[in-house]
PDB file of N, CA and C in Angstrom:
ATOM      1  N   MET A   1      90.689  86.304  79.626  1.00  0.00           N
ATOM      2  CA  MET A   1      91.689  86.579  80.636  1.00  0.00           C
ATOM      3  C   MET A   1      91.027  87.291  81.816  1.00  0.00           C
ATOM      4  N   ALA A   2      91.342  86.848  83.013  1.00  0.00           N
ATOM      5  CA  ALA A   2      90.759  87.426  84.222  1.00  0.00           C
ATOM      6  C   ALA A   2      91.453  88.743  84.575  1.00  0.00           C
ATOM      7  N   HIS A   3      90.665  89.679  85.029  1.00  0.00           N
ATOM      8  CA  HIS A   3      91.193  90.975  85.470  1.00  0.00           C
ATOM      9  C   HIS A   3      90.860  91.167  86.938  1.00  0.00           C
ATOM     10  N   LYS A   4      91.712  91.893  87.628  1.00  0.00           N
ATOM     11  CA  LYS A   4      91.419  92.237  89.010  1.00  0.00           C
ATOM     12  C   LYS A   4      90.274  93.246  89.021  1.00  0.00           C
ATOM     13  N   PHE A   5      89.412  93.110  90.019  1.00  0.00           N
ATOM     14  CA  PHE A   5      88.280  94.021  90.131  1.00  0.00           C
ATOM     15  C   PHE A   5      88.765  95.460  90.272  1.00  0.00           C
ATOM     16  N   SER A   6      89.838  95.662  91.022  1.00  0.00           N
ATOM     17  CA  SER A   6      90.356  97.028  91.215  1.00  0.00           C
ATOM     18  C   SER A   6      90.777  97.657  89.887  1.00  0.00           C
ATOM     19  N   GLU A   7      91.306  96.835  88.959  1.00  0.00           N
ATOM     20  CA  GLU A   7      91.676  97.356  87.640  1.00  0.00           C
ATOM     21  C   GLU A   7      90.434  97.761  86.857  1.00  0.00           C
ATOM     22  N   LEU A   8      89.437  96.903  86.877  1.00  0.00           N
ATOM     23  CA  LEU A   8      88.196  97.213  86.167  1.00  0.00           C
ATOM     24  C   LEU A   8      87.531  98.461  86.730  1.00  0.00           C
ATOM     25  N   ARG A   9      87.507  98.562  88.054  1.00  0.00           N
ATOM     26  CA  ARG A   9      86.881  99.721  88.691  1.00  0.00           C
ATOM     27  C   ARG A   9      87.631 100.996  88.354  1.00  0.00           C
ATOM     28  N   SER A  10      88.965 100.933  88.303  1.00  0.00           N
ATOM     29  CA  SER A  10      89.751 102.135  88.016  1.00  0.00           C
ATOM     30  C   SER A  10      89.503 102.659  86.604  1.00  0.00           C
ATOM     31  N   ARG A  11      89.048 101.778  85.718  1.00  0.00           N
ATOM     32  CA  ARG A  11      88.760 102.205  84.345  1.00  0.00           C
ATOM     33  C   ARG A  11      87.341 102.745  84.187  1.00  0.00           C
ATOM     34  N   MET A  12      86.537 102.633  85.227  1.00  0.00           N
ATOM     35  CA  MET A  12      85.170 103.158  85.175  1.00  0.00           C
ATOM     36  C   MET A  12      85.196 104.674  85.321  1.00  0.00           C
ATOM     37  N   SER A  13      84.220 105.329  84.732  1.00  0.00           N
ATOM     38  CA  SER A  13      84.107 106.781  84.903  1.00  0.00           C
ATOM     39  C   SER A  13      83.740 107.080  86.355  1.00  0.00           C
ATOM     40  N   PRO A  14      84.040 108.284  86.842  1.00  0.00           N
ATOM     41  CA  PRO A  14      83.653 108.642  88.216  1.00  0.00           C
ATOM     42  C   PRO A  14      82.147 108.501  88.448  1.00  0.00           C
ATOM     43  N   GLN A  15      81.344 108.802  87.420  1.00  0.00           N
ATOM     44  CA  GLN A  15      79.891 108.676  87.555  1.00  0.00           C
ATOM     45  C   GLN A  15      79.495 107.205  87.704  1.00  0.00           C
ATOM     46  N   ALA A  16      80.105 106.347  86.916  1.00  0.00           N
ATOM     47  CA  ALA A  16      79.807 104.913  87.011  1.00  0.00           C
ATOM     48  C   ALA A  16      80.260 104.364  88.355  1.00  0.00           C
ATOM     49  N   GLN A  17      81.408 104.811  88.843  1.00  0.00           N
ATOM     50  CA  GLN A  17      81.881 104.377  90.164  1.00  0.00           C
ATOM     51  C   GLN A  17      80.906 104.816  91.245  1.00  0.00           C
ATOM     52  N   ALA A  18      80.404 106.049  91.145  1.00  0.00           N
ATOM     53  CA  ALA A  18      79.446 106.561  92.135  1.00  0.00           C
ATOM     54  C   ALA A  18      78.152 105.753  92.089  1.00  0.00           C
ATOM     55  N   ARG A  19      77.649 105.437  90.891  1.00  0.00           N
ATOM     56  CA  ARG A  19      76.426 104.636  90.755  1.00  0.00           C
ATOM     57  C   ARG A  19      76.629 103.241  91.349  1.00  0.00           C
ATOM     58  N   ALA A  20      77.774 102.628  91.050  1.00  0.00           N
ATOM     59  CA  ALA A  20      78.064 101.295  91.579  1.00  0.00           C
ATOM     60  C   ALA A  20      78.168 101.335  93.098  1.00  0.00           C
ATOM     61  N   GLY A  21      78.803 102.363  93.622  1.00  0.00           N
ATOM     62  CA  GLY A  21      78.922 102.501  95.079  1.00  0.00           C
ATOM     63  C   GLY A  21      77.571 102.679  95.750  1.00  0.00           C
ATOM     64  N   ALA A  22      76.723 103.499  95.141  1.00  0.00           N
ATOM     65  CA  ALA A  22      75.383 103.726  95.704  1.00  0.00           C
ATOM     66  C   ALA A  22      74.556 102.447  95.670  1.00  0.00           C
ATOM     67  N   LYS A  23      74.676 101.691  94.583  1.00  0.00           N
ATOM     68  CA  LYS A  23      73.928 100.435  94.480  1.00  0.00           C
ATOM     69  C   LYS A  23      74.429  99.425  95.512  1.00  0.00           C
ATOM     70  N   ALA A  24      75.740  99.372  95.704  1.00  0.00           N
ATOM     71  CA  ALA A  24      76.315  98.460  96.702  1.00  0.00           C
ATOM     72  C   ALA A  24      75.834  98.821  98.101  1.00  0.00           C
ATOM     73  N   GLN A  25      75.804 100.104  98.434  1.00  0.00           N
ATOM     74  CA  GLN A  25      75.330 100.542  99.748  1.00  0.00           C
ATOM     75  C   GLN A  25      73.862 100.202  99.948  1.00  0.00           C
ATOM     76  N   ALA A  26      73.059 100.366  98.890  1.00  0.00           N
ATOM     77  CA  ALA A  26      71.637 100.030  98.986  1.00  0.00           C
ATOM     78  C   ALA A  26      71.454  98.540  99.226  1.00  0.00           C
ATOM     79  N   MET A  27      72.267  97.722  98.571  1.00  0.00           N
ATOM     80  CA  MET A  27      72.168  96.276  98.759  1.00  0.00           C
ATOM     81  C   MET A  27      72.584  95.880 100.172  1.00  0.00           C
ATOM     82  N   LEU A  28      73.575  96.560 100.723  1.00  0.00           N
ATOM     83  CA  LEU A  28      74.032  96.255 102.080  1.00  0.00           C
ATOM     84  C   LEU A  28      73.054  96.752 103.136  1.00  0.00           C
ATOM     85  N   ALA A  29      72.254  97.750 102.798  1.00  0.00           N
ATOM     86  CA  ALA A  29      71.321  98.326 103.763  1.00  0.00           C
ATOM     87  C   ALA A  29      70.087  97.456 103.968  1.00  0.00           C
ATOM     88  N   GLU A  30      69.851  96.510 103.060  1.00  0.00           N
ATOM     89  CA  GLU A  30      68.666  95.658 103.177  1.00  0.00           C
ATOM     90  C   GLU A  30      69.023  94.257 102.700  1.00  0.00           C
ATOM     91  N   MET A  31      68.909  93.286 103.595  1.00  0.00           N
ATOM     92  CA  MET A  31      69.199  91.908 103.222  1.00  0.00           C
ATOM     93  C   MET A  31      68.498  90.949 104.162  1.00  0.00           C
ATOM     94  N   PRO A  32      68.273  89.734 103.689  1.00  0.00           N
ATOM     95  CA  PRO A  32      67.668  88.714 104.550  1.00  0.00           C
ATOM     96  C   PRO A  32      68.584  88.357 105.713  1.00  0.00           C
ATOM     97  N   LEU A  33      68.003  87.777 106.744  1.00  0.00           N
ATOM     98  CA  LEU A  33      68.734  87.430 107.961  1.00  0.00           C
ATOM     99  C   LEU A  33      69.925  86.508 107.691  1.00  0.00           C
ATOM    100  N   ASN A  34      69.747  85.520 106.808  1.00  0.00           N
ATOM    101  CA  ASN A  34      70.859  84.603 106.535  1.00  0.00           C
ATOM    102  C   ASN A  34      72.015  85.309 105.833  1.00  0.00           C
ATOM    103  N   GLU A  35      71.716  86.246 104.934  1.00  0.00           N
ATOM    104  CA  GLU A  35      72.779  86.997 104.265  1.00  0.00           C
ATOM    105  C   GLU A  35      73.471  87.939 105.243  1.00  0.00           C
ATOM    106  N   LEU A  36      72.717  88.505 106.171  1.00  0.00           N
ATOM    107  CA  LEU A  36      73.313  89.361 107.192  1.00  0.00           C
ATOM    108  C   LEU A  36      74.300  88.566 108.039  1.00  0.00           C
ATOM    109  N   ARG A  37      73.889  87.369 108.446  1.00  0.00           N
ATOM    110  CA  ARG A  37      74.785  86.514 109.235  1.00  0.00           C
ATOM    111  C   ARG A  37      76.060  86.213 108.452  1.00  0.00           C
ATOM    112  N   GLN A  38      75.907  85.856 107.184  1.00  0.00           N
ATOM    113  CA  GLN A  38      77.070  85.552 106.352  1.00  0.00           C
ATOM    114  C   GLN A  38      77.953  86.778 106.162  1.00  0.00           C
ATOM    115  N   ALA A  39      77.336  87.940 105.970  1.00  0.00           N
ATOM    116  CA  ALA A  39      78.108  89.175 105.804  1.00  0.00           C
ATOM    117  C   ALA A  39      78.899  89.510 107.066  1.00  0.00           C
ATOM    118  N   ARG A  40      78.382  89.082 108.219  1.00  0.00           N
ATOM    119  CA  ARG A  40      79.082  89.309 109.488  1.00  0.00           C
ATOM    120  C   ARG A  40      80.148  88.243 109.729  1.00  0.00           C
ATOM    121  N   GLY A  41      80.266  87.289 108.797  1.00  0.00           N
ATOM    122  CA  GLY A  41      81.293  86.261 108.904  1.00  0.00           C
ATOM    123  C   GLY A  41      80.983  85.174 109.910  1.00  0.00           C
ATOM    124  N   LEU A  42      79.702  84.922 110.149  1.00  0.00           N
ATOM    125  CA  LEU A  42      79.292  83.915 111.131  1.00  0.00           C
ATOM    126  C   LEU A  42      78.636  82.724 110.443  1.00  0.00           C
ATOM    127  N   SER A  43      78.934  81.542 110.938  1.00  0.00           N
ATOM    128  CA  SER A  43      78.246  80.343 110.453  1.00  0.00           C
ATOM    129  C   SER A  43      77.008  80.118 111.318  1.00  0.00           C
ATOM    130  N   GLN A  44      76.103  79.288 110.827  1.00  0.00           N
ATOM    131  CA  GLN A  44      74.932  78.939 111.627  1.00  0.00           C
ATOM    132  C   GLN A  44      75.363  78.239 112.908  1.00  0.00           C
ATOM    133  N   LYS A  45      76.403  77.419 112.820  1.00  0.00           N
ATOM    134  CA  LYS A  45      76.883  76.677 113.984  1.00  0.00           C
ATOM    135  C   LYS A  45      77.390  77.620 115.068  1.00  0.00           C
ATOM    136  N   VAL A  46      78.189  78.606 114.684  1.00  0.00           N
ATOM    137  CA  VAL A  46      78.726  79.564 115.663  1.00  0.00           C
ATOM    138  C   VAL A  46      77.596  80.360 116.295  1.00  0.00           C
ATOM    139  N   LEU A  47      76.662  80.831 115.475  1.00  0.00           N
ATOM    140  CA  LEU A  47      75.540  81.601 115.999  1.00  0.00           C
ATOM    141  C   LEU A  47      74.691  80.744 116.940  1.00  0.00           C
ATOM    142  N   ALA A  48      74.503  79.480 116.604  1.00  0.00           N
ATOM    143  CA  ALA A  48      73.753  78.567 117.471  1.00  0.00           C
ATOM    144  C   ALA A  48      74.443  78.413 118.819  1.00  0.00           C
ATOM    145  N   GLU A  49      75.770  78.328 118.821  1.00  0.00           N
ATOM    146  CA  GLU A  49      76.510  78.210 120.076  1.00  0.00           C
ATOM    147  C   GLU A  49      76.327  79.452 120.942  1.00  0.00           C
ATOM    148  N   VAL A  50      76.363  80.628 120.318  1.00  0.00           N
ATOM    149  CA  VAL A  50      76.180  81.881 121.062  1.00  0.00           C
ATOM    150  C   VAL A  50      74.778  81.949 121.664  1.00  0.00           C
ATOM    151  N   LEU A  51      73.788  81.485 120.910  1.00  0.00           N
ATOM    152  CA  LEU A  51      72.395  81.541 121.362  1.00  0.00           C
ATOM    153  C   LEU A  51      71.980  80.331 122.201  1.00  0.00           C
ATOM    154  N   HIS A  52      72.885  79.369 122.358  1.00  0.00           N
ATOM    155  CA  HIS A  52      72.606  78.148 123.126  1.00  0.00           C
ATOM    156  C   HIS A  52      71.418  77.376 122.560  1.00  0.00           C
ATOM    157  N   VAL A  53      71.423  77.229 121.221  1.00  0.00           N
ATOM    158  CA  VAL A  53      70.415  76.420 120.533  1.00  0.00           C
ATOM    159  C   VAL A  53      71.140  75.494 119.562  1.00  0.00           C
ATOM    160  N   GLN A  54      70.402  74.615 118.936  1.00  0.00           N
ATOM    161  CA  GLN A  54      70.968  73.721 117.927  1.00  0.00           C
ATOM    162  C   GLN A  54      71.026  74.432 116.569  1.00  0.00           C
ATOM    163  N   GLN A  55      71.953  74.050 115.726  1.00  0.00           N
ATOM    164  CA  GLN A  55      72.126  74.674 114.411  1.00  0.00           C
ATOM    165  C   GLN A  55      70.848  74.632 113.568  1.00  0.00           C
ATOM    166  N   PRO A  56      70.083  73.530 113.565  1.00  0.00           N
ATOM    167  CA  PRO A  56      68.842  73.536 112.768  1.00  0.00           C
ATOM    168  C   PRO A  56      67.857  74.630 113.198  1.00  0.00           C
ATOM    169  N   SER A  57      67.916  75.042 114.456  1.00  0.00           N
ATOM    170  CA  SER A  57      67.050  76.135 114.925  1.00  0.00           C
ATOM    171  C   SER A  57      67.398  77.446 114.227  1.00  0.00           C
ATOM    172  N   ILE A  58      68.682  77.661 113.991  1.00  0.00           N
ATOM    173  CA  ILE A  58      69.122  78.876 113.297  1.00  0.00           C
ATOM    174  C   ILE A  58      68.625  78.835 111.852  1.00  0.00           C
ATOM    175  N   ALA A  59      68.791  77.680 111.194  1.00  0.00           N
ATOM    176  CA  ALA A  59      68.325  77.536 109.809  1.00  0.00           C
ATOM    177  C   ALA A  59      66.824  77.810 109.717  1.00  0.00           C
ATOM    178  N   LYS A  60      66.071  77.275 110.651  1.00  0.00           N
ATOM    179  CA  LYS A  60      64.617  77.461 110.664  1.00  0.00           C
ATOM    180  C   LYS A  60      64.265  78.932 110.899  1.00  0.00           C
ATOM    181  N   MET A  61      64.960  79.570 111.837  1.00  0.00           N
ATOM    182  CA  MET A  61      64.691  80.969 112.157  1.00  0.00           C
ATOM    183  C   MET A  61      64.968  81.870 110.943  1.00  0.00           C
ATOM    184  N   GLU A  62      66.023  81.559 110.211  1.00  0.00           N
ATOM    185  CA  GLU A  62      66.388  82.386 109.063  1.00  0.00           C
ATOM    186  C   GLU A  62      65.388  82.270 107.919  1.00  0.00           C
ATOM    187  N   LYS A  63      64.591  81.222 107.901  1.00  0.00           N
ATOM    188  CA  LYS A  63      63.593  81.029 106.846  1.00  0.00           C
ATOM    189  C   LYS A  63      62.229  81.589 107.221  1.00  0.00           C
ATOM    190  N   ARG A  64      62.051  81.941 108.487  1.00  0.00           N
ATOM    191  CA  ARG A  64      60.748  82.417 108.952  1.00  0.00           C
ATOM    192  C   ARG A  64      60.439  83.797 108.400  1.00  0.00           C
ATOM    193  N   THR A  65      59.178  84.040 108.153  1.00  0.00           N
ATOM    194  CA  THR A  65      58.739  85.369 107.729  1.00  0.00           C
ATOM    195  C   THR A  65      58.039  86.101 108.870  1.00  0.00           C
ATOM    196  N   ASP A  66      57.814  85.392 109.983  1.00  0.00           N
ATOM    197  CA  ASP A  66      57.119  85.978 111.125  1.00  0.00           C
ATOM    198  C   ASP A  66      57.766  85.430 112.398  1.00  0.00           C
ATOM    199  N   MET A  67      58.170  86.327 113.306  1.00  0.00           N
ATOM    200  CA  MET A  67      58.757  85.888 114.570  1.00  0.00           C
ATOM    201  C   MET A  67      58.579  86.981 115.614  1.00  0.00           C
ATOM    202  N   TYR A  68      58.761  86.608 116.861  1.00  0.00           N
ATOM    203  CA  TYR A  68      58.697  87.578 117.949  1.00  0.00           C
ATOM    204  C   TYR A  68      59.855  88.557 117.831  1.00  0.00           C
ATOM    205  N   LEU A  69      59.604  89.793 118.228  1.00  0.00           N
ATOM    206  CA  LEU A  69      60.684  90.779 118.245  1.00  0.00           C
ATOM    207  C   LEU A  69      61.807  90.349 119.181  1.00  0.00           C
ATOM    208  N   SER A  70      61.462  89.715 120.282  1.00  0.00           N
ATOM    209  CA  SER A  70      62.492  89.276 121.233  1.00  0.00           C
ATOM    210  C   SER A  70      63.397  88.217 120.596  1.00  0.00           C
ATOM    211  N   THR A  71      62.844  87.352 119.744  1.00  0.00           N
ATOM    212  CA  THR A  71      63.644  86.349 119.048  1.00  0.00           C
ATOM    213  C   THR A  71      64.576  87.024 118.055  1.00  0.00           C
ATOM    214  N   LEU A  72      64.050  87.955 117.286  1.00  0.00           N
ATOM    215  CA  LEU A  72      64.863  88.684 116.318  1.00  0.00           C
ATOM    216  C   LEU A  72      65.943  89.499 117.034  1.00  0.00           C
ATOM    217  N   ARG A  73      65.580  90.131 118.146  1.00  0.00           N
ATOM    218  CA  ARG A  73      66.544  90.919 118.921  1.00  0.00           C
ATOM    219  C   ARG A  73      67.697  90.036 119.396  1.00  0.00           C
ATOM    220  N   SER A  74      67.393  88.860 119.908  1.00  0.00           N
ATOM    221  CA  SER A  74      68.440  87.937 120.366  1.00  0.00           C
ATOM    222  C   SER A  74      69.362  87.549 119.222  1.00  0.00           C
ATOM    223  N   HIS A  75      68.777  87.268 118.077  1.00  0.00           N
ATOM    224  CA  HIS A  75      69.539  86.878 116.895  1.00  0.00           C
ATOM    225  C   HIS A  75      70.490  88.003 116.473  1.00  0.00           C
ATOM    226  N   ILE A  76      69.980  89.212 116.409  1.00  0.00           N
ATOM    227  CA  ILE A  76      70.787  90.374 116.009  1.00  0.00           C
ATOM    228  C   ILE A  76      71.880  90.645 117.040  1.00  0.00           C
ATOM    229  N   GLU A  77      71.545  90.589 118.322  1.00  0.00           N
ATOM    230  CA  GLU A  77      72.543  90.838 119.362  1.00  0.00           C
ATOM    231  C   GLU A  77      73.627  89.766 119.369  1.00  0.00           C
ATOM    232  N   ALA A  78      73.273  88.526 119.033  1.00  0.00           N
ATOM    233  CA  ALA A  78      74.273  87.451 118.959  1.00  0.00           C
ATOM    234  C   ALA A  78      75.267  87.715 117.832  1.00  0.00           C
ATOM    235  N   MET A  79      74.849  88.493 116.834  1.00  0.00           N
ATOM    236  CA  MET A  79      75.744  88.866 115.739  1.00  0.00           C
ATOM    237  C   MET A  79      76.524  90.136 116.065  1.00  0.00           C
ATOM    238  N   GLY A  80      76.273  90.702 117.236  1.00  0.00           N
ATOM    239  CA  GLY A  80      76.986  91.918 117.634  1.00  0.00           C
ATOM    240  C   GLY A  80      76.259  93.201 117.302  1.00  0.00           C
ATOM    241  N   GLY A  81      74.994  93.095 116.922  1.00  0.00           N
ATOM    242  CA  GLY A  81      74.229  94.278 116.539  1.00  0.00           C
ATOM    243  C   GLY A  81      73.213  94.688 117.578  1.00  0.00           C
ATOM    244  N   GLN A  82      72.418  95.661 117.210  1.00  0.00           N
ATOM    245  CA  GLN A  82      71.359  96.172 118.074  1.00  0.00           C
ATOM    246  C   GLN A  82      70.121  96.374 117.212  1.00  0.00           C
ATOM    247  N   LEU A  83      68.990  95.846 117.638  1.00  0.00           N
ATOM    248  CA  LEU A  83      67.754  95.955 116.877  1.00  0.00           C
ATOM    249  C   LEU A  83      67.021  97.236 117.242  1.00  0.00           C
ATOM    250  N   GLU A  84      66.566  97.959 116.214  1.00  0.00           N
ATOM    251  CA  GLU A  84      65.718  99.127 116.408  1.00  0.00           C
ATOM    252  C   GLU A  84      64.483  98.936 115.549  1.00  0.00           C
ATOM    253  N   VAL A  85      63.323  99.322 116.079  1.00  0.00           N
ATOM    254  CA  VAL A  85      62.081  99.253 115.330  1.00  0.00           C
ATOM    255  C   VAL A  85      61.724 100.673 114.924  1.00  0.00           C
ATOM    256  N   ILE A  86      61.628 100.882 113.612  1.00  0.00           N
ATOM    257  CA  ILE A  86      61.373 102.224 113.089  1.00  0.00           C
ATOM    258  C   ILE A  86      60.159 102.175 112.176  1.00  0.00           C
ATOM    259  N   ALA A  87      59.205 103.067 112.424  1.00  0.00           N
ATOM    260  CA  ALA A  87      58.031 103.206 111.572  1.00  0.00           C
ATOM    261  C   ALA A  87      58.294 104.365 110.611  1.00  0.00           C
ATOM    262  N   ARG A  88      58.135 104.116 109.318  1.00  0.00           N
ATOM    263  CA  ARG A  88      58.386 105.148 108.308  1.00  0.00           C
ATOM    264  C   ARG A  88      57.054 105.608 107.712  1.00  0.00           C
ATOM    265  N   PHE A  89      56.887 106.922 107.683  1.00  0.00           N
ATOM    266  CA  PHE A  89      55.696 107.552 107.141  1.00  0.00           C
ATOM    267  C   PHE A  89      56.118 108.532 106.055  1.00  0.00           C
ATOM    268  N   PRO A  90      55.198 108.972 105.217  1.00  0.00           N
ATOM    269  CA  PRO A  90      55.574 109.939 104.179  1.00  0.00           C
ATOM    270  C   PRO A  90      56.202 111.213 104.745  1.00  0.00           C
ATOM    271  N   ASP A  91      55.797 111.599 105.956  1.00  0.00           N
ATOM    272  CA  ASP A  91      56.322 112.842 106.525  1.00  0.00           C
ATOM    273  C   ASP A  91      57.468 112.621 107.513  1.00  0.00           C
ATOM    274  N   GLY A  92      57.982 111.402 107.603  1.00  0.00           N
ATOM    275  CA  GLY A  92      59.130 111.168 108.484  1.00  0.00           C
ATOM    276  C   GLY A  92      59.117 109.786 109.114  1.00  0.00           C
ATOM    277  N   ALA A  93      60.159 109.511 109.874  1.00  0.00           N
ATOM    278  CA  ALA A  93      60.322 108.217 110.536  1.00  0.00           C
ATOM    279  C   ALA A  93      60.287 108.406 112.048  1.00  0.00           C
ATOM    280  N   VAL A  94      59.784 107.381 112.740  1.00  0.00           N
ATOM    281  CA  VAL A  94      59.689 107.417 114.196  1.00  0.00           C
ATOM    282  C   VAL A  94      60.248 106.105 114.738  1.00  0.00           C
ATOM    283  N   ARG A  95      61.185 106.203 115.674  1.00  0.00           N
ATOM    284  CA  ARG A  95      61.717 105.013 116.335  1.00  0.00           C
ATOM    285  C   ARG A  95      60.729 104.622 117.432  1.00  0.00           C
ATOM    286  N   ILE A  96      60.269 103.380 117.409  1.00  0.00           N
ATOM    287  CA  ILE A  96      59.332 102.891 118.407  1.00  0.00           C
ATOM    288  C   ILE A  96      60.143 102.509 119.639  1.00  0.00           C
ATOM    289  N   SER A  97      59.894 103.186 120.744  1.00  0.00           N
ATOM    290  CA  SER A  97      60.765 103.043 121.918  1.00  0.00           C
ATOM    291  C   SER A  97      60.320 101.981 122.914  1.00  0.00           C
ATOM    292  N   ASN A  98      59.064 101.528 122.885  1.00  0.00           N
ATOM    293  CA  ASN A  98      58.636 100.599 123.926  1.00  0.00           C
ATOM    294  C   ASN A  98      59.175  99.182 123.730  1.00  0.00           C
ATOM    295  N   PHE A  99      59.995  98.934 122.696  1.00  0.00           N
ATOM    296  CA  PHE A  99      60.655  97.648 122.530  1.00  0.00           C
ATOM    297  C   PHE A  99      62.101  97.701 122.999  1.00  0.00           C
ATOM    298  N   GLY A 100      62.555  98.853 123.425  1.00  0.00           N
ATOM    299  CA  GLY A 100      63.950  99.048 123.807  1.00  0.00           C
ATOM    300  C   GLY A 100      64.404  98.260 125.007  1.00  0.00           C
ATOM    301  N   ASP A 101      63.524  98.022 125.955  1.00  0.00           N
ATOM    302  CA  ASP A 101      63.919  97.345 127.191  1.00  0.00           C
ATOM    303  C   ASP A 101      63.210  96.012 127.349  1.00  0.00           C
ATOM    304  N   LEU A 102      63.116  95.236 126.270  1.00  0.00           N
ATOM    305  CA  LEU A 102      62.455  93.930 126.347  1.00  0.00           C
ATOM    306  C   LEU A 102      63.136  93.035 127.378  1.00  0.00           C
ATOM    307  N   GLU A 103      64.474  93.016 127.390  1.00  0.00           N
ATOM    308  CA  GLU A 103      65.221  92.168 128.332  1.00  0.00           C
ATOM    309  C   GLU A 103      65.005  92.654 129.771  1.00  0.00           C
ATOM    310  N   ALA A 104      65.050  93.971 129.978  1.00  0.00           N
ATOM    311  CA  ALA A 104      64.876  94.522 131.328  1.00  0.00           C
ATOM    312  C   ALA A 104      63.484  94.199 131.840  1.00  0.00           C
ATOM    313  N   GLY A 105      62.478  94.309 130.959  1.00  0.00           N
ATOM    314  CA  GLY A 105      61.117  93.992 131.373  1.00  0.00           C
ATOM    315  C   GLY A 105      60.954  92.533 131.709  1.00  0.00           C
ATOM    316  N   ALA A 106      61.605  91.668 130.958  1.00  0.00           N
ATOM    317  CA  ALA A 106      61.535  90.227 131.216  1.00  0.00           C
ATOM    318  C   ALA A 106      62.197  89.894 132.546  1.00  0.00           C
ATOM    319  N   ASP A 107      63.316  90.557 132.856  1.00  0.00           N
ATOM    320  CA  ASP A 107      64.014  90.324 134.119  1.00  0.00           C
ATOM    321  C   ASP A 107      63.160  90.789 135.308  1.00  0.00           C
ATOM    322  N   ALA A 108      62.428  91.896 135.114  1.00  0.00           N
ATOM    323  CA  ALA A 108      61.609  92.424 136.199  1.00  0.00           C
ATOM    324  C   ALA A 108      60.453  91.485 136.510  1.00  0.00           C
ATOM    325  N   VAL A 109      59.927  90.816 135.487  1.00  0.00           N
ATOM    326  CA  VAL A 109      58.795  89.919 135.679  1.00  0.00           C
ATOM    327  C   VAL A 109      59.254  88.608 136.299  1.00  0.00           C
ATOM    328  N   ALA A 110      60.436  88.147 135.932  1.00  0.00           N
ATOM    329  CA  ALA A 110      60.930  86.829 136.385  1.00  0.00           C
ATOM    330  C   ALA A 110      61.284  86.819 137.853  1.00  0.00           C
TER     331      ALA A 110
END
């Protein structure tokens, strides 16, 4: 017999609920580009229309392991987000700022 998830969750101990919540947050904090697009409720076709490319280009981009930051930035911004580049070290994290104005720099050169 099927049970509603809310019923199952309500029967979990507070500790188990906290562990499940923490695991869910960790999974949401890191995911591949295609899962991020799906989580944002966007199809490849819609994203392609926003980026003015063909749908197969989106599929290809989502499978790449190496791409320009400007390409990734465009993809993220088309989903309504903002890309930040952060370097993490044992003693702390540093946001790399010279990628912040890629579009402004491109406009100045053009």
